[in-house]
Amino acid sequence: MDSPVETEVKIRIGEALPAAQALEAAGFRVTQPREFESNTVYDTRDRSLRAAGVLLRLRQSGGRFILTFKGPAKPGPHKSRLELETTVGSSKVLDRMLHELGYSPTFRYEKYRCVYQEPCDRGVVTLDETPIGNFLELEGGGEWIDATASRLGFARSEYILESYGRLYLEHCAQAGVKPGDMVFTGKE
């Protein structure tokens, strides 16, 4: 999105293929084919970024490295927060720089992501396949999110505003397992 403010919701879905078919039937087209993503979240030793509701992430996807800063979420029916992103030439150099500044990896998560858009280009829908299940992310203006969710057969009560990190912790608590990193045991 062009705005530095990201507004989005997640919606838990079942299998990925029927969701992809529903998106295409609703007029969405693939703008980024399914890609594997590896995400590393950085924080200080005392977790000051997390305590402030801030995220610093390095994403590796399709041979690209993207550094992302996300500010604290604003209250509302959609998750809305400042998001700044830039591509990075070397993940190893950036990792070293972050360590020198007092940041270190605190959580890794993986997913397969396919990106969809309509010809009108007012928002983006991503189909995320994660180790804890499949999700749609709807990102755009609040009215577009609500209208698109409704068109796809979802209600506001199905909106999820939590991060994948928070969802992973909830998944581990429900499963009675110790949290680690949210990664696939064997890549598909």
C-alpha atoms as a PDB file:
ATOM      1  CA  MET A   1       0.000   0.000   0.000  1.00  0.00           C
ATOM      2  CA  ASP A   2       1.133   3.581  -0.654  1.00  0.00           C
ATOM      3  CA  SER A   3       0.160   4.950   2.761  1.00  0.00           C
ATOM      4  CA  PRO A   4       2.609   4.508   5.651  1.00  0.00           C
ATOM      5  CA  VAL A   5      -0.373   3.422   7.771  1.00  0.00           C
ATOM      6  CA  GLU A   6      -1.240  -0.245   7.426  1.00  0.00           C
ATOM      7  CA  THR A   7      -4.886  -1.184   8.055  1.00  0.00           C
ATOM      8  CA  GLU A   8      -5.664  -4.891   7.993  1.00  0.00           C
ATOM      9  CA  VAL A   9      -7.468  -7.877   9.448  1.00  0.00           C
ATOM     10  CA  LYS A  10      -6.743 -11.582   9.384  1.00  0.00           C
ATOM     11  CA  ILE A  11      -9.422 -14.228   8.886  1.00  0.00           C
ATOM     12  CA  ARG A  12      -8.807 -17.876   9.714  1.00  0.00           C
ATOM     13  CA  ILE A  13      -9.766 -20.192   6.854  1.00  0.00           C
ATOM     14  CA  GLY A  14      -9.693 -23.908   6.136  1.00  0.00           C
ATOM     15  CA  GLU A  15      -7.916 -25.274   3.088  1.00  0.00           C
ATOM     16  CA  ALA A  16      -6.001 -22.862   0.836  1.00  0.00           C
ATOM     17  CA  LEU A  17      -7.274 -24.072  -2.556  1.00  0.00           C
ATOM     18  CA  PRO A  18     -10.994 -23.307  -1.990  1.00  0.00           C
ATOM     19  CA  ALA A  19     -10.037 -19.848  -0.658  1.00  0.00           C
ATOM     20  CA  ALA A  20      -7.910 -19.183  -3.755  1.00  0.00           C
ATOM     21  CA  GLN A  21     -10.792 -20.277  -5.980  1.00  0.00           C
ATOM     22  CA  ALA A  22     -13.220 -18.018  -4.099  1.00  0.00           C
ATOM     23  CA  LEU A  23     -10.868 -15.044  -4.507  1.00  0.00           C
ATOM     24  CA  GLU A  24     -10.553 -15.634  -8.245  1.00  0.00           C
ATOM     25  CA  ALA A  25     -14.332 -16.071  -8.593  1.00  0.00           C
ATOM     26  CA  ALA A  26     -14.762 -12.695  -6.835  1.00  0.00           C
ATOM     27  CA  GLY A  27     -12.543 -10.984  -9.423  1.00  0.00           C
ATOM     28  CA  PHE A  28      -9.182 -11.049  -7.662  1.00  0.00           C
ATOM     29  CA  ARG A  29      -6.057 -11.917  -9.621  1.00  0.00           C
ATOM     30  CA  VAL A  30      -2.694 -13.182  -8.420  1.00  0.00           C
ATOM     31  CA  THR A  31      -0.167 -10.326  -8.353  1.00  0.00           C
ATOM     32  CA  GLN A  32       2.516 -12.307  -6.522  1.00  0.00           C
ATOM     33  CA  PRO A  33       2.551 -16.080  -6.910  1.00  0.00           C
ATOM     34  CA  ARG A  34       2.904 -18.310  -3.851  1.00  0.00           C
ATOM     35  CA  GLU A  35       6.299 -17.711  -2.218  1.00  0.00           C
ATOM     36  CA  PHE A  36       8.001 -18.981   0.883  1.00  0.00           C
ATOM     37  CA  GLU A  37       8.741 -16.295   3.487  1.00  0.00           C
ATOM     38  CA  SER A  38      11.087 -16.427   6.434  1.00  0.00           C
ATOM     39  CA  ASN A  39      10.596 -13.666   8.997  1.00  0.00           C
ATOM     40  CA  THR A  40      12.888 -12.774  11.896  1.00  0.00           C
ATOM     41  CA  VAL A  41      11.697 -10.410  14.632  1.00  0.00           C
ATOM     42  CA  TYR A  42      14.373  -8.407  16.441  1.00  0.00           C
ATOM     43  CA  ASP A  43      14.220  -6.799  19.864  1.00  0.00           C
ATOM     44  CA  THR A  44      16.450  -5.660  22.698  1.00  0.00           C
ATOM     45  CA  ARG A  45      17.497  -7.996  25.504  1.00  0.00           C
ATOM     46  CA  ASP A  46      14.809  -6.519  27.787  1.00  0.00           C
ATOM     47  CA  ARG A  47      12.149  -6.738  25.005  1.00  0.00           C
ATOM     48  CA  SER A  48      11.583  -2.977  24.990  1.00  0.00           C
ATOM     49  CA  LEU A  49      10.132  -2.971  21.459  1.00  0.00           C
ATOM     50  CA  ARG A  50       7.554  -5.613  22.323  1.00  0.00           C
ATOM     51  CA  ALA A  51       6.634  -3.755  25.518  1.00  0.00           C
ATOM     52  CA  ALA A  52       6.010  -0.630  23.419  1.00  0.00           C
ATOM     53  CA  GLY A  53       3.885  -2.565  20.892  1.00  0.00           C
ATOM     54  CA  VAL A  54       6.513  -2.017  18.191  1.00  0.00           C
ATOM     55  CA  LEU A  55       7.855  -4.576  15.701  1.00  0.00           C
ATOM     56  CA  LEU A  56      11.213  -4.684  13.914  1.00  0.00           C
ATOM     57  CA  ARG A  57      11.281  -7.478  11.329  1.00  0.00           C
ATOM     58  CA  LEU A  58      13.561  -8.772   8.599  1.00  0.00           C
ATOM     59  CA  ARG A  59      11.698 -10.711   5.901  1.00  0.00           C
ATOM     60  CA  GLN A  60      13.377 -12.931   3.317  1.00  0.00           C
ATOM     61  CA  SER A  61      11.130 -13.755   0.379  1.00  0.00           C
ATOM     62  CA  GLY A  62      11.808 -14.533  -3.253  1.00  0.00           C
ATOM     63  CA  GLY A  63      15.450 -13.462  -3.048  1.00  0.00           C
ATOM     64  CA  ARG A  64      14.487 -10.109  -1.486  1.00  0.00           C
ATOM     65  CA  PHE A  65      15.286  -8.859   2.010  1.00  0.00           C
ATOM     66  CA  ILE A  66      12.825  -6.374   3.520  1.00  0.00           C
ATOM     67  CA  LEU A  67      13.274  -4.534   6.818  1.00  0.00           C
ATOM     68  CA  THR A  68       9.969  -3.503   8.403  1.00  0.00           C
ATOM     69  CA  PHE A  69       9.147  -1.229  11.325  1.00  0.00           C
ATOM     70  CA  LYS A  70       5.588  -1.357  12.680  1.00  0.00           C
ATOM     71  CA  GLY A  71       4.388   1.130  15.274  1.00  0.00           C
ATOM     72  CA  PRO A  72       1.846   0.524  18.029  1.00  0.00           C
ATOM     73  CA  ALA A  73      -1.637  -0.519  16.881  1.00  0.00           C
ATOM     74  CA  LYS A  74      -4.469   1.988  17.179  1.00  0.00           C
ATOM     75  CA  PRO A  75      -7.734   0.744  18.733  1.00  0.00           C
ATOM     76  CA  GLY A  76     -10.576   0.024  16.333  1.00  0.00           C
ATOM     77  CA  PRO A  77     -12.388  -2.671  14.348  1.00  0.00           C
ATOM     78  CA  HIS A  78      -9.320  -3.118  12.113  1.00  0.00           C
ATOM     79  CA  LYS A  79      -5.641  -3.337  13.014  1.00  0.00           C
ATOM     80  CA  SER A  80      -4.152   0.010  12.025  1.00  0.00           C
ATOM     81  CA  ARG A  81      -0.572   1.128  12.622  1.00  0.00           C
ATOM     82  CA  LEU A  82       2.387   2.892  11.082  1.00  0.00           C
ATOM     83  CA  GLU A  83       4.371   0.593   8.789  1.00  0.00           C
ATOM     84  CA  LEU A  84       7.676   1.533   7.185  1.00  0.00           C
ATOM     85  CA  GLU A  85       9.514  -0.872   4.882  1.00  0.00           C
ATOM     86  CA  THR A  86      12.678  -0.830   2.827  1.00  0.00           C
ATOM     87  CA  THR A  87      14.606  -3.393   0.862  1.00  0.00           C
ATOM     88  CA  VAL A  88      18.032  -4.392   2.088  1.00  0.00           C
ATOM     89  CA  GLY A  89      20.993  -5.500  -0.015  1.00  0.00           C
ATOM     90  CA  SER A  90      22.477  -7.972   2.463  1.00  0.00           C
ATOM     91  CA  SER A  91      20.643  -9.716   5.285  1.00  0.00           C
ATOM     92  CA  LYS A  92      23.970 -10.684   6.881  1.00  0.00           C
ATOM     93  CA  VAL A  93      25.210  -7.105   6.983  1.00  0.00           C
ATOM     94  CA  LEU A  94      21.877  -5.876   8.332  1.00  0.00           C
ATOM     95  CA  ASP A  95      21.861  -8.616  10.991  1.00  0.00           C
ATOM     96  CA  ARG A  96      25.336  -7.522  12.077  1.00  0.00           C
ATOM     97  CA  MET A  97      24.258  -3.865  12.179  1.00  0.00           C
ATOM     98  CA  LEU A  98      21.220  -4.713  14.297  1.00  0.00           C
ATOM     99  CA  HIS A  99      23.374  -6.738  16.708  1.00  0.00           C
ATOM    100  CA  GLU A 100      25.802  -3.810  16.994  1.00  0.00           C
ATOM    101  CA  LEU A 101      22.821  -1.577  17.879  1.00  0.00           C
ATOM    102  CA  GLY A 102      21.687  -3.966  20.635  1.00  0.00           C
ATOM    103  CA  TYR A 103      19.008  -5.897  18.746  1.00  0.00           C
ATOM    104  CA  SER A 104      18.951  -9.663  18.366  1.00  0.00           C
ATOM    105  CA  PRO A 105      16.518 -12.217  16.917  1.00  0.00           C
ATOM    106  CA  THR A 106      13.702 -13.064  19.340  1.00  0.00           C
ATOM    107  CA  PHE A 107      11.237 -14.961  17.133  1.00  0.00           C
ATOM    108  CA  ARG A 108      11.191 -16.535  13.699  1.00  0.00           C
ATOM    109  CA  TYR A 109       8.099 -17.409  11.709  1.00  0.00           C
ATOM    110  CA  GLU A 110       7.522 -18.857   8.279  1.00  0.00           C
ATOM    111  CA  LYS A 111       4.680 -18.912   5.825  1.00  0.00           C
ATOM    112  CA  TYR A 112       3.806 -19.385   2.207  1.00  0.00           C
ATOM    113  CA  ARG A 113       2.122 -16.275   0.826  1.00  0.00           C
ATOM    114  CA  CYS A 114       0.192 -15.583  -2.365  1.00  0.00           C
ATOM    115  CA  VAL A 115      -0.953 -11.997  -3.051  1.00  0.00           C
ATOM    116  CA  TYR A 116      -4.221 -11.075  -4.800  1.00  0.00           C
ATOM    117  CA  GLN A 117      -5.620  -7.762  -6.004  1.00  0.00           C
ATOM    118  CA  GLU A 118      -8.636  -6.535  -7.926  1.00  0.00           C
ATOM    119  CA  PRO A 119      -8.196  -4.446 -11.076  1.00  0.00           C
ATOM    120  CA  CYS A 120      -9.354  -1.378  -9.089  1.00  0.00           C
ATOM    121  CA  ASP A 121      -6.263  -1.824  -6.843  1.00  0.00           C
ATOM    122  CA  ARG A 122      -7.920  -0.451  -3.674  1.00  0.00           C
ATOM    123  CA  GLY A 123      -6.653  -3.189  -1.394  1.00  0.00           C
ATOM    124  CA  VAL A 124      -4.707  -6.398  -1.153  1.00  0.00           C
ATOM    125  CA  VAL A 125      -5.700  -9.879  -0.041  1.00  0.00           C
ATOM    126  CA  THR A 126      -2.976 -12.307   0.913  1.00  0.00           C
ATOM    127  CA  LEU A 127      -3.456 -16.025   1.318  1.00  0.00           C
ATOM    128  CA  ASP A 128      -1.065 -17.142   4.055  1.00  0.00           C
ATOM    129  CA  GLU A 129      -0.311 -20.787   4.765  1.00  0.00           C
ATOM    130  CA  THR A 130       1.370 -21.028   8.179  1.00  0.00           C
ATOM    131  CA  PRO A 131       2.404 -23.826  10.530  1.00  0.00           C
ATOM    132  CA  ILE A 132      -0.649 -22.969  12.686  1.00  0.00           C
ATOM    133  CA  GLY A 133      -3.214 -22.843   9.885  1.00  0.00           C
ATOM    134  CA  ASN A 134      -4.295 -20.806   6.888  1.00  0.00           C
ATOM    135  CA  PHE A 135      -5.370 -17.177   6.916  1.00  0.00           C
ATOM    136  CA  LEU A 136      -6.536 -14.431   4.616  1.00  0.00           C
ATOM    137  CA  GLU A 137      -5.166 -10.964   5.310  1.00  0.00           C
ATOM    138  CA  LEU A 138      -7.235  -8.095   3.956  1.00  0.00           C
ATOM    139  CA  GLU A 139      -5.275  -4.840   3.772  1.00  0.00           C
ATOM    140  CA  GLY A 140      -6.727  -1.545   2.598  1.00  0.00           C
ATOM    141  CA  GLY A 141      -9.145   1.080   3.850  1.00  0.00           C
ATOM    142  CA  GLY A 142     -11.600   0.030   6.549  1.00  0.00           C
ATOM    143  CA  GLU A 143     -14.643   0.273   4.264  1.00  0.00           C
ATOM    144  CA  TRP A 144     -12.861  -1.789   1.592  1.00  0.00           C
ATOM    145  CA  ILE A 145     -11.916  -4.433   4.175  1.00  0.00           C
ATOM    146  CA  ASP A 146     -15.504  -4.712   5.431  1.00  0.00           C
ATOM    147  CA  ALA A 147     -17.005  -4.830   1.927  1.00  0.00           C
ATOM    148  CA  THR A 148     -14.445  -7.380   0.710  1.00  0.00           C
ATOM    149  CA  ALA A 149     -14.852  -9.608   3.758  1.00  0.00           C
ATOM    150  CA  SER A 150     -18.628  -9.535   3.281  1.00  0.00           C
ATOM    151  CA  ARG A 151     -18.287 -10.317  -0.451  1.00  0.00           C
ATOM    152  CA  LEU A 152     -16.125 -13.319   0.441  1.00  0.00           C
ATOM    153  CA  GLY A 153     -18.693 -14.550   2.994  1.00  0.00           C
ATOM    154  CA  PHE A 154     -16.994 -13.439   6.231  1.00  0.00           C
ATOM    155  CA  ALA A 155     -18.453 -11.431   9.123  1.00  0.00           C
ATOM    156  CA  ARG A 156     -16.726  -8.833  11.311  1.00  0.00           C
ATOM    157  CA  SER A 157     -16.903 -11.350  14.153  1.00  0.00           C
ATOM    158  CA  GLU A 158     -14.330 -13.434  12.241  1.00  0.00           C
ATOM    159  CA  TYR A 159     -11.748 -10.618  12.122  1.00  0.00           C
ATOM    160  CA  ILE A 160      -8.472 -11.338  13.894  1.00  0.00           C
ATOM    161  CA  LEU A 161      -6.347  -8.351  14.882  1.00  0.00           C
ATOM    162  CA  GLU A 162      -3.503 -10.252  16.556  1.00  0.00           C
ATOM    163  CA  SER A 163      -0.074 -10.786  15.015  1.00  0.00           C
ATOM    164  CA  TYR A 164       1.151 -14.178  13.876  1.00  0.00           C
ATOM    165  CA  GLY A 165       3.427 -14.162  16.928  1.00  0.00           C
ATOM    166  CA  ARG A 166       0.471 -13.728  19.295  1.00  0.00           C
ATOM    167  CA  LEU A 167      -1.577 -16.356  17.398  1.00  0.00           C
ATOM    168  CA  TYR A 168       1.351 -18.767  17.670  1.00  0.00           C
ATOM    169  CA  LEU A 169       1.568 -18.273  21.456  1.00  0.00           C
ATOM    170  CA  GLU A 170      -2.184 -18.905  21.760  1.00  0.00           C
ATOM    171  CA  HIS A 171      -1.817 -22.034  19.599  1.00  0.00           C
ATOM    172  CA  CYS A 172       1.000 -23.341  21.821  1.00  0.00           C
ATOM    173  CA  ALA A 173      -0.998 -22.660  24.998  1.00  0.00           C
ATOM    174  CA  GLN A 174      -4.022 -24.537  23.610  1.00  0.00           C
ATOM    175  CA  ALA A 175      -1.839 -27.439  22.442  1.00  0.00           C
ATOM    176  CA  GLY A 176       0.094 -27.539  25.722  1.00  0.00           C
ATOM    177  CA  VAL A 177       3.470 -27.181  24.002  1.00  0.00           C
ATOM    178  CA  LYS A 178       6.414 -24.922  24.791  1.00  0.00           C
ATOM    179  CA  PRO A 179       6.666 -22.034  22.304  1.00  0.00           C
ATOM    180  CA  GLY A 180       9.733 -21.738  20.117  1.00  0.00           C
ATOM    181  CA  ASP A 181       9.740 -20.465  16.561  1.00  0.00           C
ATOM    182  CA  MET A 182       6.735 -20.801  14.233  1.00  0.00           C
ATOM    183  CA  VAL A 183       8.448 -22.733  11.464  1.00  0.00           C
ATOM    184  CA  PHE A 184       7.547 -25.641   9.213  1.00  0.00           C
ATOM    185  CA  THR A 185       9.095 -28.945  10.225  1.00  0.00           C
ATOM    186  CA  GLY A 186       9.702 -29.800   6.548  1.00  0.00           C
ATOM    187  CA  LYS A 187       9.232 -27.334   3.713  1.00  0.00           C
ATOM    188  CA  GLU A 188       6.467 -28.244   1.279  1.00  0.00           C
END
